[in-house]
PDB file of all heavy atoms in Angstrom:
ATOM      1  N   GLU A   1      -0.314  -4.978  17.571  1.00  0.00           N
ATOM      2  CA  GLU A   1       0.071  -3.579  17.427  1.00  0.00           C
ATOM      3  C   GLU A   1      -1.051  -2.720  16.833  1.00  0.00           C
ATOM      4  O   GLU A   1      -0.972  -1.485  16.851  1.00  0.00           O
ATOM      5  CB  GLU A   1       1.333  -3.449  16.577  1.00  0.00           C
ATOM      6  CG  GLU A   1       1.189  -3.859  15.110  1.00  0.00           C
ATOM      7  CD  GLU A   1       1.426  -5.339  14.875  1.00  0.00           C
ATOM      8  OE1 GLU A   1       1.379  -6.125  15.858  1.00  0.00           O
ATOM      9  OE2 GLU A   1       1.665  -5.710  13.709  1.00  0.00           O
ATOM     10  N   LEU A   2      -2.096  -3.351  16.291  1.00  0.00           N
ATOM     11  CA  LEU A   2      -3.207  -2.601  15.698  1.00  0.00           C
ATOM     12  C   LEU A   2      -4.494  -2.727  16.503  1.00  0.00           C
ATOM     13  O   LEU A   2      -5.562  -2.332  16.045  1.00  0.00           O
ATOM     14  CB  LEU A   2      -3.456  -3.088  14.261  1.00  0.00           C
ATOM     15  CG  LEU A   2      -2.345  -2.807  13.254  1.00  0.00           C
ATOM     16  CD1 LEU A   2      -2.637  -3.504  11.939  1.00  0.00           C
ATOM     17  CD2 LEU A   2      -2.177  -1.300  13.041  1.00  0.00           C
ATOM     18  N   ALA A   3      -4.387  -3.258  17.711  1.00  0.00           N
ATOM     19  CA  ALA A   3      -5.584  -3.496  18.518  1.00  0.00           C
ATOM     20  C   ALA A   3      -6.372  -2.224  18.770  1.00  0.00           C
ATOM     21  O   ALA A   3      -7.607  -2.244  18.830  1.00  0.00           O
ATOM     22  CB  ALA A   3      -5.197  -4.149  19.840  1.00  0.00           C
ATOM     23  N   ASP A   4      -5.690  -1.100  18.915  1.00  0.00           N
ATOM     24  CA  ASP A   4      -6.351   0.161  19.238  1.00  0.00           C
ATOM     25  C   ASP A   4      -6.303   1.164  18.093  1.00  0.00           C
ATOM     26  O   ASP A   4      -6.415   2.378  18.302  1.00  0.00           O
ATOM     27  CB  ASP A   4      -5.714   0.777  20.486  1.00  0.00           C
ATOM     28  CG  ASP A   4      -5.903  -0.088  21.718  1.00  0.00           C
ATOM     29  OD1 ASP A   4      -7.005  -0.644  21.868  1.00  0.00           O
ATOM     30  OD2 ASP A   4      -4.955  -0.238  22.503  1.00  0.00           O
ATOM     31  N   ALA A   5      -6.171   0.661  16.878  1.00  0.00           N
ATOM     32  CA  ALA A   5      -6.062   1.539  15.714  1.00  0.00           C
ATOM     33  C   ALA A   5      -7.246   1.324  14.776  1.00  0.00           C
ATOM     34  O   ALA A   5      -7.779   0.213  14.675  1.00  0.00           O
ATOM     35  CB  ALA A   5      -4.766   1.261  14.965  1.00  0.00           C
ATOM     36  N   PRO A   6      -7.663   2.365  14.059  1.00  0.00           N
ATOM     37  CA  PRO A   6      -8.655   2.157  12.999  1.00  0.00           C
ATOM     38  C   PRO A   6      -8.008   1.426  11.818  1.00  0.00           C
ATOM     39  O   PRO A   6      -6.848   1.683  11.474  1.00  0.00           O
ATOM     40  CB  PRO A   6      -9.066   3.582  12.611  1.00  0.00           C
ATOM     41  CG  PRO A   6      -7.892   4.434  12.984  1.00  0.00           C
ATOM     42  CD  PRO A   6      -7.260   3.779  14.180  1.00  0.00           C
ATOM     43  N   VAL A   7      -8.744   0.503  11.225  1.00  0.00           N
ATOM     44  CA  VAL A   7      -8.215  -0.280  10.098  1.00  0.00           C
ATOM     45  C   VAL A   7      -9.311  -0.459   9.060  1.00  0.00           C
ATOM     46  O   VAL A   7     -10.492  -0.187   9.307  1.00  0.00           O
ATOM     47  CB  VAL A   7      -7.723  -1.674  10.563  1.00  0.00           C
ATOM     48  CG1 VAL A   7      -6.607  -1.551  11.581  1.00  0.00           C
ATOM     49  CG2 VAL A   7      -8.879  -2.502  11.121  1.00  0.00           C
ATOM     50  N   LEU A   8      -8.907  -0.946   7.904  1.00  0.00           N
ATOM     51  CA  LEU A   8      -9.858  -1.407   6.896  1.00  0.00           C
ATOM     52  C   LEU A   8      -9.834  -2.926   6.859  1.00  0.00           C
ATOM     53  O   LEU A   8      -8.761  -3.529   6.858  1.00  0.00           O
ATOM     54  CB  LEU A   8      -9.481  -0.872   5.509  1.00  0.00           C
ATOM     55  CG  LEU A   8      -9.509   0.638   5.291  1.00  0.00           C
ATOM     56  CD1 LEU A   8      -9.099   0.962   3.856  1.00  0.00           C
ATOM     57  CD2 LEU A   8     -10.883   1.210   5.595  1.00  0.00           C
ATOM     58  N   ASN A   9     -11.001  -3.520   6.840  1.00  0.00           N
ATOM     59  CA  ASN A   9     -11.117  -4.956   6.625  1.00  0.00           C
ATOM     60  C   ASN A   9     -11.560  -5.200   5.188  1.00  0.00           C
ATOM     61  O   ASN A   9     -12.541  -4.601   4.732  1.00  0.00           O
ATOM     62  CB  ASN A   9     -12.129  -5.584   7.588  1.00  0.00           C
ATOM     63  CG  ASN A   9     -11.538  -5.832   8.959  1.00  0.00           C
ATOM     64  OD1 ASN A   9     -10.316  -5.896   9.114  1.00  0.00           O
ATOM     65  ND2 ASN A   9     -12.383  -5.972   9.952  1.00  0.00           N
ATOM     66  N   VAL A  10     -10.857  -6.067   4.504  1.00  0.00           N
ATOM     67  CA  VAL A  10     -11.185  -6.406   3.121  1.00  0.00           C
ATOM     68  C   VAL A  10     -12.168  -7.568   3.103  1.00  0.00           C
ATOM     69  O   VAL A  10     -12.003  -8.553   3.828  1.00  0.00           O
ATOM     70  CB  VAL A  10      -9.922  -6.809   2.330  1.00  0.00           C
ATOM     71  CG1 VAL A  10     -10.293  -7.303   0.934  1.00  0.00           C
ATOM     72  CG2 VAL A  10      -8.970  -5.632   2.217  1.00  0.00           C
ATOM     73  N   HIS A  11     -13.193  -7.446   2.262  1.00  0.00           N
ATOM     74  CA  HIS A  11     -14.129  -8.544   2.016  1.00  0.00           C
ATOM     75  C   HIS A  11     -14.118  -8.846   0.521  1.00  0.00           C
ATOM     76  O   HIS A  11     -13.998  -7.943  -0.307  1.00  0.00           O
ATOM     77  CB  HIS A  11     -15.528  -8.175   2.482  1.00  0.00           C
ATOM     78  CG  HIS A  11     -15.596  -7.795   3.931  1.00  0.00           C
ATOM     79  ND1 HIS A  11     -15.461  -8.711   4.952  1.00  0.00           N
ATOM     80  CD2 HIS A  11     -15.754  -6.580   4.527  1.00  0.00           C
ATOM     81  CE1 HIS A  11     -15.553  -8.092   6.110  1.00  0.00           C
ATOM     82  NE2 HIS A  11     -15.722  -6.793   5.894  1.00  0.00           N
ATOM     83  N   ILE A  12     -14.266 -10.123   0.186  1.00  0.00           N
ATOM     84  CA  ILE A  12     -14.153 -10.564  -1.200  1.00  0.00           C
ATOM     85  C   ILE A  12     -15.521 -11.019  -1.683  1.00  0.00           C
ATOM     86  O   ILE A  12     -15.983 -12.109  -1.323  1.00  0.00           O
ATOM     87  CB  ILE A  12     -13.137 -11.722  -1.351  1.00  0.00           C
ATOM     88  CG1 ILE A  12     -11.808 -11.351  -0.695  1.00  0.00           C
ATOM     89  CG2 ILE A  12     -12.929 -12.056  -2.823  1.00  0.00           C
ATOM     90  CD1 ILE A  12     -11.669 -11.797   0.752  1.00  0.00           C
ATOM     91  N   PRO A  13     -16.228 -10.200  -2.456  1.00  0.00           N
ATOM     92  CA  PRO A  13     -17.537 -10.613  -2.962  1.00  0.00           C
ATOM     93  C   PRO A  13     -17.431 -11.862  -3.829  1.00  0.00           C
ATOM     94  O   PRO A  13     -16.377 -12.139  -4.423  1.00  0.00           O
ATOM     95  CB  PRO A  13     -17.988  -9.404  -3.798  1.00  0.00           C
ATOM     96  CG  PRO A  13     -17.169  -8.258  -3.305  1.00  0.00           C
ATOM     97  CD  PRO A  13     -15.858  -8.844  -2.892  1.00  0.00           C
ATOM     98  N   SER A  14     -18.513 -12.603  -3.904  1.00  0.00           N
ATOM     99  CA  SER A  14     -18.486 -13.855  -4.671  1.00  0.00           C
ATOM    100  C   SER A  14     -18.264 -13.631  -6.153  1.00  0.00           C
ATOM    101  O   SER A  14     -17.842 -14.546  -6.860  1.00  0.00           O
ATOM    102  CB  SER A  14     -19.793 -14.623  -4.452  1.00  0.00           C
ATOM    103  OG  SER A  14     -20.912 -13.845  -4.844  1.00  0.00           O
ATOM    104  N   ASP A  15     -18.521 -12.406  -6.641  1.00  0.00           N
ATOM    105  CA  ASP A  15     -18.303 -12.122  -8.058  1.00  0.00           C
ATOM    106  C   ASP A  15     -17.016 -11.343  -8.305  1.00  0.00           C
ATOM    107  O   ASP A  15     -16.808 -10.786  -9.387  1.00  0.00           O
ATOM    108  CB  ASP A  15     -19.488 -11.356  -8.645  1.00  0.00           C
ATOM    109  CG  ASP A  15     -19.745 -10.023  -7.946  1.00  0.00           C
ATOM    110  OD1 ASP A  15     -19.070  -9.735  -6.919  1.00  0.00           O
ATOM    111  OD2 ASP A  15     -20.614  -9.255  -8.403  1.00  0.00           O
ATOM    112  N   ALA A  16     -16.128 -11.296  -7.305  1.00  0.00           N
ATOM    113  CA  ALA A  16     -14.872 -10.560  -7.452  1.00  0.00           C
ATOM    114  C   ALA A  16     -13.998 -11.177  -8.540  1.00  0.00           C
ATOM    115  O   ALA A  16     -13.935 -12.399  -8.692  1.00  0.00           O
ATOM    116  CB  ALA A  16     -14.114 -10.542  -6.127  1.00  0.00           C
ATOM    117  N   VAL A  17     -13.328 -10.309  -9.292  1.00  0.00           N
ATOM    118  CA  VAL A  17     -12.355 -10.731 -10.301  1.00  0.00           C
ATOM    119  C   VAL A  17     -10.971 -10.499  -9.706  1.00  0.00           C
ATOM    120  O   VAL A  17     -10.563  -9.352  -9.484  1.00  0.00           O
ATOM    121  CB  VAL A  17     -12.529  -9.923 -11.600  1.00  0.00           C
ATOM    122  CG1 VAL A  17     -11.443 -10.307 -12.611  1.00  0.00           C
ATOM    123  CG2 VAL A  17     -13.921 -10.146 -12.186  1.00  0.00           C
ATOM    124  N   LEU A  18     -10.240 -11.586  -9.446  1.00  0.00           N
ATOM    125  CA  LEU A  18      -8.971 -11.476  -8.718  1.00  0.00           C
ATOM    126  C   LEU A  18      -7.782 -11.430  -9.667  1.00  0.00           C
ATOM    127  O   LEU A  18      -6.770 -12.095  -9.466  1.00  0.00           O
ATOM    128  CB  LEU A  18      -8.844 -12.644  -7.730  1.00  0.00           C
ATOM    129  CG  LEU A  18      -9.988 -12.758  -6.716  1.00  0.00           C
ATOM    130  CD1 LEU A  18      -9.747 -13.928  -5.766  1.00  0.00           C
ATOM    131  CD2 LEU A  18     -10.154 -11.462  -5.919  1.00  0.00           C
ATOM    132  N   SER A  19      -7.885 -10.588 -10.681  1.00  0.00           N
ATOM    133  CA  SER A  19      -6.743 -10.361 -11.573  1.00  0.00           C
ATOM    134  C   SER A  19      -5.816  -9.337 -10.924  1.00  0.00           C
ATOM    135  O   SER A  19      -6.225  -8.575 -10.041  1.00  0.00           O
ATOM    136  CB  SER A  19      -7.219  -9.844 -12.928  1.00  0.00           C
ATOM    137  OG  SER A  19      -7.779  -8.544 -12.796  1.00  0.00           O
ATOM    138  N   ARG A  20      -4.573  -9.302 -11.380  1.00  0.00           N
ATOM    139  CA  ARG A  20      -3.629  -8.333 -10.825  1.00  0.00           C
ATOM    140  C   ARG A  20      -4.123  -6.910 -11.056  1.00  0.00           C
ATOM    141  O   ARG A  20      -4.058  -6.052 -10.156  1.00  0.00           O
ATOM    142  CB  ARG A  20      -2.262  -8.542 -11.490  1.00  0.00           C
ATOM    143  CG  ARG A  20      -1.133  -7.648 -10.981  1.00  0.00           C
ATOM    144  CD  ARG A  20      -0.646  -8.073  -9.604  1.00  0.00           C
ATOM    145  NE  ARG A  20      -1.411  -7.482  -8.514  1.00  0.00           N
ATOM    146  CZ  ARG A  20      -1.570  -8.056  -7.323  1.00  0.00           C
ATOM    147  NH1 ARG A  20      -1.060  -9.215  -7.044  1.00  0.00           N
ATOM    148  NH2 ARG A  20      -2.278  -7.464  -6.380  1.00  0.00           N
ATOM    149  N   GLU A  21      -4.643  -6.650 -12.216  1.00  0.00           N
ATOM    150  CA  GLU A  21      -5.113  -5.307 -12.538  1.00  0.00           C
ATOM    151  C   GLU A  21      -6.276  -4.892 -11.643  1.00  0.00           C
ATOM    152  O   GLU A  21      -6.291  -3.773 -11.102  1.00  0.00           O
ATOM    153  CB  GLU A  21      -5.548  -5.251 -14.005  1.00  0.00           C
ATOM    154  CG  GLU A  21      -6.061  -3.886 -14.447  1.00  0.00           C
ATOM    155  CD  GLU A  21      -6.501  -3.874 -15.897  1.00  0.00           C
ATOM    156  OE1 GLU A  21      -6.594  -4.955 -16.515  1.00  0.00           O
ATOM    157  OE2 GLU A  21      -6.773  -2.773 -16.420  1.00  0.00           O
ATOM    158  N   GLU A  22      -7.257  -5.773 -11.457  1.00  0.00           N
ATOM    159  CA  GLU A  22      -8.431  -5.424 -10.659  1.00  0.00           C
ATOM    160  C   GLU A  22      -8.095  -5.307  -9.175  1.00  0.00           C
ATOM    161  O   GLU A  22      -8.623  -4.427  -8.479  1.00  0.00           O
ATOM    162  CB  GLU A  22      -9.535  -6.451 -10.875  1.00  0.00           C
ATOM    163  CG  GLU A  22     -10.169  -6.398 -12.247  1.00  0.00           C
ATOM    164  CD  GLU A  22     -10.826  -5.059 -12.542  1.00  0.00           C
ATOM    165  OE1 GLU A  22     -11.415  -4.464 -11.611  1.00  0.00           O
ATOM    166  OE2 GLU A  22     -10.737  -4.588 -13.693  1.00  0.00           O
ATOM    167  N   LEU A  23      -7.240  -6.169  -8.669  1.00  0.00           N
ATOM    168  CA  LEU A  23      -6.843  -6.069  -7.270  1.00  0.00           C
ATOM    169  C   LEU A  23      -6.120  -4.759  -7.000  1.00  0.00           C
ATOM    170  O   LEU A  23      -6.434  -4.040  -6.032  1.00  0.00           O
ATOM    171  CB  LEU A  23      -5.955  -7.258  -6.889  1.00  0.00           C
ATOM    172  CG  LEU A  23      -6.654  -8.618  -6.812  1.00  0.00           C
ATOM    173  CD1 LEU A  23      -5.615  -9.732  -6.633  1.00  0.00           C
ATOM    174  CD2 LEU A  23      -7.668  -8.651  -5.672  1.00  0.00           C
ATOM    175  N   ASP A  24      -5.149  -4.425  -7.841  1.00  0.00           N
ATOM    176  CA  ASP A  24      -4.403  -3.183  -7.633  1.00  0.00           C
ATOM    177  C   ASP A  24      -5.313  -1.971  -7.755  1.00  0.00           C
ATOM    178  O   ASP A  24      -5.172  -0.985  -7.014  1.00  0.00           O
ATOM    179  CB  ASP A  24      -3.259  -3.087  -8.639  1.00  0.00           C
ATOM    180  CG  ASP A  24      -2.112  -4.034  -8.315  1.00  0.00           C
ATOM    181  OD1 ASP A  24      -2.053  -4.514  -7.167  1.00  0.00           O
ATOM    182  OD2 ASP A  24      -1.286  -4.306  -9.210  1.00  0.00           O
ATOM    183  N   ARG A  25      -6.251  -2.046  -8.669  1.00  0.00           N
ATOM    184  CA  ARG A  25      -7.207  -0.934  -8.833  1.00  0.00           C
ATOM    185  C   ARG A  25      -8.007  -0.737  -7.551  1.00  0.00           C
ATOM    186  O   ARG A  25      -8.219   0.391  -7.112  1.00  0.00           O
ATOM    187  CB  ARG A  25      -8.128  -1.226 -10.013  1.00  0.00           C
ATOM    188  CG  ARG A  25      -9.225  -0.188 -10.248  1.00  0.00           C
ATOM    189  CD  ARG A  25      -9.935  -0.449 -11.561  1.00  0.00           C
ATOM    190  NE  ARG A  25     -11.082   0.410 -11.732  1.00  0.00           N
ATOM    191  CZ  ARG A  25     -12.343   0.078 -11.460  1.00  0.00           C
ATOM    192  NH1 ARG A  25     -12.617  -1.154 -11.021  1.00  0.00           N
ATOM    193  NH2 ARG A  25     -13.335   0.926 -11.629  1.00  0.00           N
ATOM    194  N   SER A  26      -8.447  -1.829  -6.928  1.00  0.00           N
ATOM    195  CA  SER A  26      -9.216  -1.713  -5.690  1.00  0.00           C
ATOM    196  C   SER A  26      -8.374  -1.169  -4.541  1.00  0.00           C
ATOM    197  O   SER A  26      -8.809  -0.296  -3.789  1.00  0.00           O
ATOM    198  CB  SER A  26      -9.800  -3.076  -5.304  1.00  0.00           C
ATOM    199  OG  SER A  26     -10.994  -3.333  -5.996  1.00  0.00           O
TER     200      SER A  26
END
């Protein structure tokens, strides 16, 4: 359903902090 739509792709840097606060902030 998104084949013809603009989207954002998420990338996870090697130094990413995957806390709930930091994820929601991003």
